[in-house]
Amino acid sequence: EMLHKGTGWTAIALAFAAISFGISIFSDQERAAFPDAEVQLWAAFGIALGLLGMLAVVGLVDSALSSASTQRTQRMVDKLRSARKAKSSVPGGRVCTMPDATSTTTPQLGKCAAAV
């Protein structure tokens, strides 16, 4: 994975260098036809970099909010499961079990297993 990501970022950096070098040579050779080519290139790169920065910030904020929400939900589910377990105990040595939320079996009412 690191090799894959590393070569990808290297390709992006080399592409940026090649485009910059090509535009600088192009603007020197074709100054009459394209007088502002280099300025426009750097303006476009600046805009693209700004948009990528904003996208990164939005992604980080969304990730943090999503993680906090997931943790909150998991705590609520854990509380509900522990409350169900506490309610499912029947006095007299018999324990009734209830399926959890992910179970595919249907609960059988009145069926309790003897405590061992």
PDB file of N, CA and C in Angstrom:
ATOM      1  N   GLU A   1       0.828  -1.190   0.000  1.00  0.00           N
ATOM      2  CA  GLU A   1       0.000   0.000   0.000  1.00  0.00           C
ATOM      3  C   GLU A   1       0.871   1.251   0.000  1.00  0.00           C
ATOM      4  N   MET A   2       1.938   1.224   0.811  1.00  0.00           N
ATOM      5  CA  MET A   2       2.821   2.397   0.859  1.00  0.00           C
ATOM      6  C   MET A   2       3.511   2.615  -0.490  1.00  0.00           C
ATOM      7  N   LEU A   3       3.913   1.523  -1.134  1.00  0.00           N
ATOM      8  CA  LEU A   3       4.533   1.635  -2.456  1.00  0.00           C
ATOM      9  C   LEU A   3       3.543   2.226  -3.452  1.00  0.00           C
ATOM     10  N   HIS A   4       2.319   1.762  -3.394  1.00  0.00           N
ATOM     11  CA  HIS A   4       1.281   2.243  -4.305  1.00  0.00           C
ATOM     12  C   HIS A   4       1.037   3.748  -4.110  1.00  0.00           C
ATOM     13  N   LYS A   5       0.850   4.151  -2.861  1.00  0.00           N
ATOM     14  CA  LYS A   5       0.604   5.568  -2.579  1.00  0.00           C
ATOM     15  C   LYS A   5       1.835   6.416  -2.885  1.00  0.00           C
ATOM     16  N   GLY A   6       3.012   5.897  -2.536  1.00  0.00           N
ATOM     17  CA  GLY A   6       4.244   6.640  -2.787  1.00  0.00           C
ATOM     18  C   GLY A   6       4.479   6.896  -4.261  1.00  0.00           C
ATOM     19  N   THR A   7       4.255   5.878  -5.087  1.00  0.00           N
ATOM     20  CA  THR A   7       4.443   6.075  -6.531  1.00  0.00           C
ATOM     21  C   THR A   7       3.380   7.012  -7.098  1.00  0.00           C
ATOM     22  N   GLY A   8       2.190   6.973  -6.544  1.00  0.00           N
ATOM     23  CA  GLY A   8       1.137   7.894  -6.995  1.00  0.00           C
ATOM     24  C   GLY A   8       1.488   9.342  -6.701  1.00  0.00           C
ATOM     25  N   TRP A   9       1.929   9.612  -5.466  1.00  0.00           N
ATOM     26  CA  TRP A   9       2.318  10.980  -5.109  1.00  0.00           C
ATOM     27  C   TRP A   9       3.551  11.422  -5.892  1.00  0.00           C
ATOM     28  N   THR A  10       4.470  10.503  -6.156  1.00  0.00           N
ATOM     29  CA  THR A  10       5.642  10.839  -6.957  1.00  0.00           C
ATOM     30  C   THR A  10       5.218  11.200  -8.378  1.00  0.00           C
ATOM     31  N   ALA A  11       4.284  10.455  -8.933  1.00  0.00           N
ATOM     32  CA  ALA A  11       3.787  10.758 -10.280  1.00  0.00           C
ATOM     33  C   ALA A  11       3.124  12.131 -10.325  1.00  0.00           C
ATOM     34  N   ILE A  12       2.369  12.479  -9.292  1.00  0.00           N
ATOM     35  CA  ILE A  12       1.725  13.797  -9.244  1.00  0.00           C
ATOM     36  C   ILE A  12       2.778  14.896  -9.175  1.00  0.00           C
ATOM     37  N   ALA A  13       3.801  14.714  -8.339  1.00  0.00           N
ATOM     38  CA  ALA A  13       4.857  15.721  -8.212  1.00  0.00           C
ATOM     39  C   ALA A  13       5.628  15.881  -9.527  1.00  0.00           C
ATOM     40  N   LEU A  14       5.945  14.759 -10.175  1.00  0.00           N
ATOM     41  CA  LEU A  14       6.659  14.834 -11.446  1.00  0.00           C
ATOM     42  C   LEU A  14       5.791  15.466 -12.539  1.00  0.00           C
ATOM     43  N   ALA A  15       4.507  15.200 -12.530  1.00  0.00           N
ATOM     44  CA  ALA A  15       3.608  15.823 -13.504  1.00  0.00           C
ATOM     45  C   ALA A  15       3.557  17.330 -13.290  1.00  0.00           C
ATOM     46  N   PHE A  16       3.481  17.755 -12.043  1.00  0.00           N
ATOM     47  CA  PHE A  16       3.490  19.188 -11.724  1.00  0.00           C
ATOM     48  C   PHE A  16       4.775  19.829 -12.233  1.00  0.00           C
ATOM     49  N   ALA A  17       5.919  19.186 -11.992  1.00  0.00           N
ATOM     50  CA  ALA A  17       7.202  19.723 -12.449  1.00  0.00           C
ATOM     51  C   ALA A  17       7.264  19.774 -13.974  1.00  0.00           C
ATOM     52  N   ALA A  18       6.803  18.734 -14.637  1.00  0.00           N
ATOM     53  CA  ALA A  18       6.852  18.695 -16.102  1.00  0.00           C
ATOM     54  C   ALA A  18       5.955  19.772 -16.719  1.00  0.00           C
ATOM     55  N   ILE A  19       4.761  19.945 -16.158  1.00  0.00           N
ATOM     56  CA  ILE A  19       3.854  20.968 -16.691  1.00  0.00           C
ATOM     57  C   ILE A  19       4.434  22.357 -16.467  1.00  0.00           C
ATOM     58  N   SER A  20       4.975  22.594 -15.280  1.00  0.00           N
ATOM     59  CA  SER A  20       5.567  23.908 -14.980  1.00  0.00           C
ATOM     60  C   SER A  20       6.730  24.200 -15.915  1.00  0.00           C
ATOM     61  N   PHE A  21       7.610  23.234 -16.094  1.00  0.00           N
ATOM     62  CA  PHE A  21       8.755  23.401 -16.974  1.00  0.00           C
ATOM     63  C   PHE A  21       8.291  23.629 -18.412  1.00  0.00           C
ATOM     64  N   GLY A  22       7.305  22.857 -18.858  1.00  0.00           N
ATOM     65  CA  GLY A  22       6.800  23.016 -20.223  1.00  0.00           C
ATOM     66  C   GLY A  22       6.159  24.370 -20.460  1.00  0.00           C
ATOM     67  N   ILE A  23       5.390  24.852 -19.505  1.00  0.00           N
ATOM     68  CA  ILE A  23       4.746  26.161 -19.662  1.00  0.00           C
ATOM     69  C   ILE A  23       5.778  27.276 -19.652  1.00  0.00           C
ATOM     70  N   SER A  24       6.800  27.161 -18.814  1.00  0.00           N
ATOM     71  CA  SER A  24       7.818  28.220 -18.796  1.00  0.00           C
ATOM     72  C   SER A  24       8.576  28.270 -20.123  1.00  0.00           C
ATOM     73  N   ILE A  25       8.904  27.124 -20.711  1.00  0.00           N
ATOM     74  CA  ILE A  25       9.553  27.100 -22.024  1.00  0.00           C
ATOM     75  C   ILE A  25       8.588  27.627 -23.089  1.00  0.00           C
ATOM     76  N   PHE A  26       7.326  27.192 -23.021  1.00  0.00           N
ATOM     77  CA  PHE A  26       6.319  27.614 -23.983  1.00  0.00           C
ATOM     78  C   PHE A  26       6.119  29.122 -23.939  1.00  0.00           C
ATOM     79  N   SER A  27       6.045  29.687 -22.732  1.00  0.00           N
ATOM     80  CA  SER A  27       5.807  31.130 -22.633  1.00  0.00           C
ATOM     81  C   SER A  27       7.001  31.927 -23.142  1.00  0.00           C
ATOM     82  N   ASP A  28       8.218  31.382 -23.025  1.00  0.00           N
ATOM     83  CA  ASP A  28       9.399  32.057 -23.581  1.00  0.00           C
ATOM     84  C   ASP A  28       9.375  32.022 -25.107  1.00  0.00           C
ATOM     85  N   GLN A  29       8.935  30.922 -25.683  1.00  0.00           N
ATOM     86  CA  GLN A  29       8.938  30.761 -27.136  1.00  0.00           C
ATOM     87  C   GLN A  29       7.747  31.456 -27.809  1.00  0.00           C
ATOM     88  N   GLU A  30       6.624  31.488 -27.144  1.00  0.00           N
ATOM     89  CA  GLU A  30       5.401  32.014 -27.754  1.00  0.00           C
ATOM     90  C   GLU A  30       4.879  33.240 -27.014  1.00  0.00           C
ATOM     91  N   ARG A  31       5.763  34.124 -26.637  1.00  0.00           N
ATOM     92  CA  ARG A  31       5.356  35.293 -25.856  1.00  0.00           C
ATOM     93  C   ARG A  31       4.361  36.167 -26.612  1.00  0.00           C
ATOM     94  N   ALA A  32       4.486  36.258 -27.928  1.00  0.00           N
ATOM     95  CA  ALA A  32       3.583  37.113 -28.714  1.00  0.00           C
ATOM     96  C   ALA A  32       2.177  36.521 -28.756  1.00  0.00           C
ATOM     97  N   ALA A  33       2.071  35.187 -28.921  1.00  0.00           N
ATOM     98  CA  ALA A  33       0.759  34.559 -29.041  1.00  0.00           C
ATOM     99  C   ALA A  33       0.090  34.364 -27.685  1.00  0.00           C
ATOM    100  N   PHE A  34       0.885  34.042 -26.665  1.00  0.00           N
ATOM    101  CA  PHE A  34       0.347  33.773 -25.319  1.00  0.00           C
ATOM    102  C   PHE A  34       1.140  34.581 -24.289  1.00  0.00           C
ATOM    103  N   PRO A  35       0.860  35.867 -24.181  1.00  0.00           N
ATOM    104  CA  PRO A  35       1.680  36.709 -23.300  1.00  0.00           C
ATOM    105  C   PRO A  35       1.531  36.384 -21.806  1.00  0.00           C
ATOM    106  N   ASP A  36       0.380  35.887 -21.379  1.00  0.00           N
ATOM    107  CA  ASP A  36       0.153  35.641 -19.951  1.00  0.00           C
ATOM    108  C   ASP A  36       0.067  34.158 -19.620  1.00  0.00           C
ATOM    109  N   ALA A  37       0.674  33.312 -20.410  1.00  0.00           N
ATOM    110  CA  ALA A  37       0.532  31.862 -20.211  1.00  0.00           C
ATOM    111  C   ALA A  37       1.070  31.437 -18.848  1.00  0.00           C
ATOM    112  N   GLU A  38       2.233  31.923 -18.459  1.00  0.00           N
ATOM    113  CA  GLU A  38       2.829  31.499 -17.193  1.00  0.00           C
ATOM    114  C   GLU A  38       2.040  32.037 -15.989  1.00  0.00           C
ATOM    115  N   VAL A  39       1.582  33.256 -16.078  1.00  0.00           N
ATOM    116  CA  VAL A  39       0.783  33.841 -15.000  1.00  0.00           C
ATOM    117  C   VAL A  39      -0.532  33.082 -14.839  1.00  0.00           C
ATOM    118  N   GLN A  40      -1.161  32.767 -15.962  1.00  0.00           N
ATOM    119  CA  GLN A  40      -2.418  32.028 -15.905  1.00  0.00           C
ATOM    120  C   GLN A  40      -2.213  30.612 -15.359  1.00  0.00           C
ATOM    121  N   LEU A  41      -1.083  29.996 -15.701  1.00  0.00           N
ATOM    122  CA  LEU A  41      -0.779  28.665 -15.154  1.00  0.00           C
ATOM    123  C   LEU A  41      -0.690  28.712 -13.635  1.00  0.00           C
ATOM    124  N   TRP A  42       0.066  29.667 -13.103  1.00  0.00           N
ATOM    125  CA  TRP A  42       0.226  29.740 -11.648  1.00  0.00           C
ATOM    126  C   TRP A  42      -1.085  30.118 -10.964  1.00  0.00           C
ATOM    127  N   ALA A  43      -1.908  30.917 -11.633  1.00  0.00           N
ATOM    128  CA  ALA A  43      -3.226  31.237 -11.079  1.00  0.00           C
ATOM    129  C   ALA A  43      -4.093  29.978 -11.013  1.00  0.00           C
ATOM    130  N   ALA A  44      -4.061  29.186 -12.078  1.00  0.00           N
ATOM    131  CA  ALA A  44      -4.851  27.942 -12.097  1.00  0.00           C
ATOM    132  C   ALA A  44      -4.342  26.965 -11.041  1.00  0.00           C
ATOM    133  N   PHE A  45      -3.016  26.844 -10.902  1.00  0.00           N
ATOM    134  CA  PHE A  45      -2.455  25.968  -9.869  1.00  0.00           C
ATOM    135  C   PHE A  45      -2.834  26.457  -8.475  1.00  0.00           C
ATOM    136  N   GLY A  46      -2.819  27.761  -8.265  1.00  0.00           N
ATOM    137  CA  GLY A  46      -3.208  28.315  -6.964  1.00  0.00           C
ATOM    138  C   GLY A  46      -4.664  28.024  -6.634  1.00  0.00           C
ATOM    139  N   ILE A  47      -5.524  28.179  -7.628  1.00  0.00           N
ATOM    140  CA  ILE A  47      -6.949  27.885  -7.416  1.00  0.00           C
ATOM    141  C   ILE A  47      -7.148  26.407  -7.122  1.00  0.00           C
ATOM    142  N   ALA A  48      -6.481  25.551  -7.901  1.00  0.00           N
ATOM    143  CA  ALA A  48      -6.598  24.108  -7.679  1.00  0.00           C
ATOM    144  C   ALA A  48      -6.079  23.716  -6.305  1.00  0.00           C
ATOM    145  N   LEU A  49      -4.967  24.288  -5.893  1.00  0.00           N
ATOM    146  CA  LEU A  49      -4.400  23.997  -4.573  1.00  0.00           C
ATOM    147  C   LEU A  49      -5.329  24.470  -3.459  1.00  0.00           C
ATOM    148  N   GLY A  50      -5.938  25.636  -3.638  1.00  0.00           N
ATOM    149  CA  GLY A  50      -6.903  26.134  -2.656  1.00  0.00           C
ATOM    150  C   GLY A  50      -8.118  25.223  -2.541  1.00  0.00           C
ATOM    151  N   LEU A  51      -8.626  24.754  -3.686  1.00  0.00           N
ATOM    152  CA  LEU A  51      -9.769  23.835  -3.662  1.00  0.00           C
ATOM    153  C   LEU A  51      -9.412  22.507  -3.005  1.00  0.00           C
ATOM    154  N   LEU A  52      -8.209  21.995  -3.288  1.00  0.00           N
ATOM    155  CA  LEU A  52      -7.774  20.753  -2.637  1.00  0.00           C
ATOM    156  C   LEU A  52      -7.628  20.942  -1.128  1.00  0.00           C
ATOM    157  N   GLY A  53      -7.126  22.099  -0.722  1.00  0.00           N
ATOM    158  CA  GLY A  53      -7.003  22.385   0.703  1.00  0.00           C
ATOM    159  C   GLY A  53      -8.362  22.431   1.385  1.00  0.00           C
ATOM    160  N   MET A  54      -9.316  23.087   0.750  1.00  0.00           N
ATOM    161  CA  MET A  54     -10.671  23.155   1.322  1.00  0.00           C
ATOM    162  C   MET A  54     -11.296  21.766   1.374  1.00  0.00           C
ATOM    163  N   LEU A  55     -11.080  20.966   0.342  1.00  0.00           N
ATOM    164  CA  LEU A  55     -11.605  19.606   0.324  1.00  0.00           C
ATOM    165  C   LEU A  55     -10.994  18.768   1.446  1.00  0.00           C
ATOM    166  N   ALA A  56      -9.701  18.944   1.690  1.00  0.00           N
ATOM    167  CA  ALA A  56      -9.037  18.209   2.770  1.00  0.00           C
ATOM    168  C   ALA A  56      -9.601  18.611   4.133  1.00  0.00           C
ATOM    169  N   VAL A  57      -9.821  19.891   4.338  1.00  0.00           N
ATOM    170  CA  VAL A  57     -10.371  20.366   5.615  1.00  0.00           C
ATOM    171  C   VAL A  57     -11.784  19.813   5.821  1.00  0.00           C
ATOM    172  N   VAL A  58     -12.610  19.862   4.788  1.00  0.00           N
ATOM    173  CA  VAL A  58     -13.974  19.331   4.886  1.00  0.00           C
ATOM    174  C   VAL A  58     -13.933  17.834   5.193  1.00  0.00           C
ATOM    175  N   GLY A  59     -13.029  17.101   4.539  1.00  0.00           N
ATOM    176  CA  GLY A  59     -12.908  15.666   4.793  1.00  0.00           C
ATOM    177  C   GLY A  59     -12.482  15.362   6.208  1.00  0.00           C
ATOM    178  N   LEU A  60     -11.522  16.124   6.732  1.00  0.00           N
ATOM    179  CA  LEU A  60     -11.062  15.903   8.106  1.00  0.00           C
ATOM    180  C   LEU A  60     -12.151  16.213   9.123  1.00  0.00           C
ATOM    181  N   VAL A  61     -12.867  17.305   8.908  1.00  0.00           N
ATOM    182  CA  VAL A  61     -13.958  17.666   9.825  1.00  0.00           C
ATOM    183  C   VAL A  61     -15.063  16.614   9.773  1.00  0.00           C
ATOM    184  N   ASP A  62     -15.425  16.187   8.576  1.00  0.00           N
ATOM    185  CA  ASP A  62     -16.467  15.168   8.431  1.00  0.00           C
ATOM    186  C   ASP A  62     -16.045  13.859   9.083  1.00  0.00           C
ATOM    187  N   SER A  63     -14.793  13.500   8.920  1.00  0.00           N
ATOM    188  CA  SER A  63     -14.290  12.270   9.528  1.00  0.00           C
ATOM    189  C   SER A  63     -14.350  12.349  11.051  1.00  0.00           C
ATOM    190  N   ALA A  64     -13.964  13.486  11.607  1.00  0.00           N
ATOM    191  CA  ALA A  64     -13.995  13.649  13.060  1.00  0.00           C
ATOM    192  C   ALA A  64     -15.429  13.593  13.580  1.00  0.00           C
ATOM    193  N   LEU A  65     -16.347  14.261  12.890  1.00  0.00           N
ATOM    194  CA  LEU A  65     -17.747  14.253  13.333  1.00  0.00           C
ATOM    195  C   LEU A  65     -18.345  12.865  13.201  1.00  0.00           C
ATOM    196  N   SER A  66     -18.034  12.174  12.130  1.00  0.00           N
ATOM    197  CA  SER A  66     -18.561  10.825  11.915  1.00  0.00           C
ATOM    198  C   SER A  66     -18.038   9.864  12.977  1.00  0.00           C
ATOM    199  N   SER A  67     -16.761   9.995  13.325  1.00  0.00           N
ATOM    200  CA  SER A  67     -16.165   9.131  14.335  1.00  0.00           C
ATOM    201  C   SER A  67     -16.816   9.352  15.698  1.00  0.00           C
ATOM    202  N   ALA A  68     -17.053  10.610  16.048  1.00  0.00           N
ATOM    203  CA  ALA A  68     -17.693  10.914  17.329  1.00  0.00           C
ATOM    204  C   ALA A  68     -19.123  10.373  17.356  1.00  0.00           C
ATOM    205  N   SER A  69     -19.829  10.507  16.253  1.00  0.00           N
ATOM    206  CA  SER A  69     -21.204  10.007  16.176  1.00  0.00           C
ATOM    207  C   SER A  69     -21.234   8.480  16.288  1.00  0.00           C
ATOM    208  N   THR A  70     -20.286   7.817  15.636  1.00  0.00           N
ATOM    209  CA  THR A  70     -20.218   6.361  15.692  1.00  0.00           C
ATOM    210  C   THR A  70     -19.924   5.896  17.111  1.00  0.00           C
ATOM    211  N   GLN A  71     -19.022   6.564  17.795  1.00  0.00           N
ATOM    212  CA  GLN A  71     -18.702   6.193  19.176  1.00  0.00           C
ATOM    213  C   GLN A  71     -19.909   6.398  20.083  1.00  0.00           C
ATOM    214  N   ARG A  72     -20.643   7.485  19.889  1.00  0.00           N
ATOM    215  CA  ARG A  72     -21.836   7.761  20.694  1.00  0.00           C
ATOM    216  C   ARG A  72     -22.890   6.681  20.465  1.00  0.00           C
ATOM    217  N   THR A  73     -23.081   6.311  19.212  1.00  0.00           N
ATOM    218  CA  THR A  73     -24.055   5.272  18.883  1.00  0.00           C
ATOM    219  C   THR A  73     -23.644   3.940  19.495  1.00  0.00           C
ATOM    220  N   GLN A  74     -22.359   3.601  19.431  1.00  0.00           N
ATOM    221  CA  GLN A  74     -21.881   2.335  19.993  1.00  0.00           C
ATOM    222  C   GLN A  74     -22.092   2.302  21.503  1.00  0.00           C
ATOM    223  N   ARG A  75     -21.868   3.421  22.195  1.00  0.00           N
ATOM    224  CA  ARG A  75     -22.116   3.462  23.647  1.00  0.00           C
ATOM    225  C   ARG A  75     -23.587   3.236  23.961  1.00  0.00           C
ATOM    226  N   MET A  76     -24.487   3.831  23.144  1.00  0.00           N
ATOM    227  CA  MET A  76     -25.921   3.636  23.378  1.00  0.00           C
ATOM    228  C   MET A  76     -26.309   2.177  23.153  1.00  0.00           C
ATOM    229  N   VAL A  77     -25.776   1.548  22.106  1.00  0.00           N
ATOM    230  CA  VAL A  77     -26.077   0.142  21.836  1.00  0.00           C
ATOM    231  C   VAL A  77     -25.573  -0.738  22.968  1.00  0.00           C
ATOM    232  N   ASP A  78     -24.365  -0.456  23.471  1.00  0.00           N
ATOM    233  CA  ASP A  78     -23.815  -1.237  24.589  1.00  0.00           C
ATOM    234  C   ASP A  78     -24.689  -1.104  25.835  1.00  0.00           C
ATOM    235  N   LYS A  79     -25.177   0.099  26.110  1.00  0.00           N
ATOM    236  CA  LYS A  79     -26.058   0.302  27.267  1.00  0.00           C
ATOM    237  C   LYS A  79     -27.354  -0.483  27.112  1.00  0.00           C
ATOM    238  N   LEU A  80     -27.927  -0.444  25.903  1.00  0.00           N
ATOM    239  CA  LEU A  80     -29.167  -1.177  25.664  1.00  0.00           C
ATOM    240  C   LEU A  80     -28.960  -2.682  25.817  1.00  0.00           C
ATOM    241  N   ARG A  81     -27.851  -3.197  25.311  1.00  0.00           N
ATOM    242  CA  ARG A  81     -27.580  -4.632  25.439  1.00  0.00           C
ATOM    243  C   ARG A  81     -27.396  -5.043  26.892  1.00  0.00           C
ATOM    244  N   SER A  82     -26.666  -4.214  27.661  1.00  0.00           N
ATOM    245  CA  SER A  82     -26.465  -4.569  29.068  1.00  0.00           C
ATOM    246  C   SER A  82     -27.784  -4.470  29.837  1.00  0.00           C
ATOM    247  N   ALA A  83     -28.657  -3.533  29.470  1.00  0.00           N
ATOM    248  CA  ALA A  83     -29.967  -3.427  30.123  1.00  0.00           C
ATOM    249  C   ALA A  83     -30.832  -4.636  29.781  1.00  0.00           C
ATOM    250  N   ARG A  84     -30.753  -5.112  28.540  1.00  0.00           N
ATOM    251  CA  ARG A  84     -31.516  -6.307  28.150  1.00  0.00           C
ATOM    252  C   ARG A  84     -31.034  -7.531  28.914  1.00  0.00           C
ATOM    253  N   LYS A  85     -29.727  -7.659  29.066  1.00  0.00           N
ATOM    254  CA  LYS A  85     -29.182  -8.807  29.787  1.00  0.00           C
ATOM    255  C   LYS A  85     -29.627  -8.782  31.247  1.00  0.00           C
ATOM    256  N   ALA A  86     -29.653  -7.583  31.826  1.00  0.00           N
ATOM    257  CA  ALA A  86     -30.067  -7.467  33.224  1.00  0.00           C
ATOM    258  C   ALA A  86     -31.551  -7.812  33.385  1.00  0.00           C
ATOM    259  N   LYS A  87     -32.380  -7.443  32.425  1.00  0.00           N
ATOM    260  CA  LYS A  87     -33.812  -7.720  32.504  1.00  0.00           C
ATOM    261  C   LYS A  87     -34.139  -9.174  32.181  1.00  0.00           C
ATOM    262  N   SER A  88     -33.253  -9.848  31.433  1.00  0.00           N
ATOM    263  CA  SER A  88     -33.583 -11.202  30.989  1.00  0.00           C
ATOM    264  C   SER A  88     -33.348 -12.253  32.066  1.00  0.00           C
ATOM    265  N   SER A  89     -32.681 -11.903  33.156  1.00  0.00           N
ATOM    266  CA  SER A  89     -32.475 -12.874  34.234  1.00  0.00           C
ATOM    267  C   SER A  89     -33.766 -13.074  35.002  1.00  0.00           C
ATOM    268  N   VAL A  90     -34.115 -14.318  35.211  1.00  0.00           N
ATOM    269  CA  VAL A  90     -35.344 -14.661  35.931  1.00  0.00           C
ATOM    270  C   VAL A  90     -34.941 -15.299  37.259  1.00  0.00           C
ATOM    271  N   PRO A  91     -35.559 -14.895  38.389  1.00  0.00           N
ATOM    272  CA  PRO A  91     -35.225 -15.516  39.670  1.00  0.00           C
ATOM    273  C   PRO A  91     -35.573 -17.000  39.668  1.00  0.00           C
ATOM    274  N   GLY A  92     -34.857 -17.784  40.450  1.00  0.00           N
ATOM    275  CA  GLY A  92     -35.128 -19.204  40.555  1.00  0.00           C
ATOM    276  C   GLY A  92     -34.172 -20.050  39.742  1.00  0.00           C
ATOM    277  N   GLY A  93     -33.080 -19.502  39.304  1.00  0.00           N
ATOM    278  CA  GLY A  93     -32.071 -20.288  38.611  1.00  0.00           C
ATOM    279  C   GLY A  93     -32.316 -20.480  37.131  1.00  0.00           C
ATOM    280  N   ARG A  94     -33.291 -19.806  36.564  1.00  0.00           N
ATOM    281  CA  ARG A  94     -33.531 -19.937  35.126  1.00  0.00           C
ATOM    282  C   ARG A  94     -33.165 -18.607  34.453  1.00  0.00           C
ATOM    283  N   VAL A  95     -32.540 -18.701  33.299  1.00  0.00           N
ATOM    284  CA  VAL A  95     -32.112 -17.501  32.576  1.00  0.00           C
ATOM    285  C   VAL A  95     -32.745 -17.511  31.198  1.00  0.00           C
ATOM    286  N   CYS A  96     -33.415 -16.439  30.869  1.00  0.00           N
ATOM    287  CA  CYS A  96     -33.986 -16.293  29.530  1.00  0.00           C
ATOM    288  C   CYS A  96     -33.032 -15.432  28.707  1.00  0.00           C
ATOM    289  N   THR A  97     -32.646 -15.925  27.562  1.00  0.00           N
ATOM    290  CA  THR A  97     -31.740 -15.157  26.708  1.00  0.00           C
ATOM    291  C   THR A  97     -32.525 -14.503  25.595  1.00  0.00           C
ATOM    292  N   MET A  98     -32.057 -13.335  25.201  1.00  0.00           N
ATOM    293  CA  MET A  98     -32.706 -12.597  24.123  1.00  0.00           C
ATOM    294  C   MET A  98     -31.688 -12.422  23.012  1.00  0.00           C
ATOM    295  N   PRO A  99     -32.112 -12.548  21.757  1.00  0.00           N
ATOM    296  CA  PRO A  99     -31.166 -12.352  20.662  1.00  0.00           C
ATOM    297  C   PRO A  99     -30.753 -10.886  20.570  1.00  0.00           C
ATOM    298  N   ASP A 100     -29.541 -10.634  20.094  1.00  0.00           N
ATOM    299  CA  ASP A 100     -29.104  -9.256  19.923  1.00  0.00           C
ATOM    300  C   ASP A 100     -29.674  -8.696  18.620  1.00  0.00           C
ATOM    301  N   ALA A 101     -29.378  -7.439  18.339  1.00  0.00           N
ATOM    302  CA  ALA A 101     -29.959  -6.762  17.180  1.00  0.00           C
ATOM    303  C   ALA A 101     -29.495  -7.358  15.860  1.00  0.00           C
ATOM    304  N   THR A 102     -28.336  -8.013  15.852  1.00  0.00           N
ATOM    305  CA  THR A 102     -27.815  -8.567  14.599  1.00  0.00           C
ATOM    306  C   THR A 102     -28.205 -10.023  14.406  1.00  0.00           C
ATOM    307  N   SER A 103     -28.938 -10.606  15.346  1.00  0.00           N
ATOM    308  CA  SER A 103     -29.293 -12.017  15.267  1.00  0.00           C
ATOM    309  C   SER A 103     -30.336 -12.249  14.181  1.00  0.00           C
ATOM    310  N   THR A 104     -30.236 -13.413  13.522  1.00  0.00           N
ATOM    311  CA  THR A 104     -31.212 -13.750  12.491  1.00  0.00           C
ATOM    312  C   THR A 104     -32.290 -14.696  13.024  1.00  0.00           C
ATOM    313  N   THR A 105     -32.133 -15.118  14.275  1.00  0.00           N
ATOM    314  CA  THR A 105     -33.134 -16.016  14.856  1.00  0.00           C
ATOM    315  C   THR A 105     -34.239 -15.204  15.508  1.00  0.00           C
ATOM    316  N   THR A 106     -35.412 -15.779  15.567  1.00  0.00           N
ATOM    317  CA  THR A 106     -36.528 -15.099  16.215  1.00  0.00           C
ATOM    318  C   THR A 106     -36.598 -15.576  17.660  1.00  0.00           C
ATOM    319  N   PRO A 107     -36.915 -14.674  18.586  1.00  0.00           N
ATOM    320  CA  PRO A 107     -36.994 -15.088  19.984  1.00  0.00           C
ATOM    321  C   PRO A 107     -38.187 -16.001  20.221  1.00  0.00           C
ATOM    322  N   GLN A 108     -37.980 -16.990  21.075  1.00  0.00           N
ATOM    323  CA  GLN A 108     -39.076 -17.898  21.434  1.00  0.00           C
ATOM    324  C   GLN A 108     -39.548 -17.518  22.829  1.00  0.00           C
ATOM    325  N   LEU A 109     -40.695 -16.930  22.886  1.00  0.00           N
ATOM    326  CA  LEU A 109     -41.222 -16.445  24.164  1.00  0.00           C
ATOM    327  C   LEU A 109     -41.543 -17.644  25.062  1.00  0.00           C
ATOM    328  N   GLY A 110     -41.204 -17.516  26.313  1.00  0.00           N
ATOM    329  CA  GLY A 110     -41.497 -18.577  27.290  1.00  0.00           C
ATOM    330  C   GLY A 110     -40.464 -19.683  27.317  1.00  0.00           C
ATOM    331  N   LYS A 111     -39.473 -19.650  26.444  1.00  0.00           N
ATOM    332  CA  LYS A 111     -38.431 -20.665  26.407  1.00  0.00           C
ATOM    333  C   LYS A 111     -37.234 -20.150  27.208  1.00  0.00           C
ATOM    334  N   CYS A 112     -36.955 -20.785  28.336  1.00  0.00           N
ATOM    335  CA  CYS A 112     -35.826 -20.411  29.176  1.00  0.00           C
ATOM    336  C   CYS A 112     -34.969 -21.632  29.416  1.00  0.00           C
ATOM    337  N   ALA A 113     -33.668 -21.436  29.449  1.00  0.00           N
ATOM    338  CA  ALA A 113     -32.744 -22.545  29.724  1.00  0.00           C
ATOM    339  C   ALA A 113     -32.426 -22.551  31.211  1.00  0.00           C
ATOM    340  N   ALA A 114     -32.307 -23.720  31.775  1.00  0.00           N
ATOM    341  CA  ALA A 114     -31.943 -23.824  33.191  1.00  0.00           C
ATOM    342  C   ALA A 114     -30.511 -23.373  33.362  1.00  0.00           C
ATOM    343  N   ALA A 115     -30.247 -22.619  34.423  1.00  0.00           N
ATOM    344  CA  ALA A 115     -28.886 -22.145  34.702  1.00  0.00           C
ATOM    345  C   ALA A 115     -28.026 -23.321  35.113  1.00  0.00           C
ATOM    346  N   VAL A 116     -26.831 -23.352  34.572  1.00  0.00           N
ATOM    347  CA  VAL A 116     -25.906 -24.466  34.878  1.00  0.00           C
ATOM    348  C   VAL A 116     -24.910 -24.007  35.888  1.00  0.00           C
TER     349      VAL A 116
END
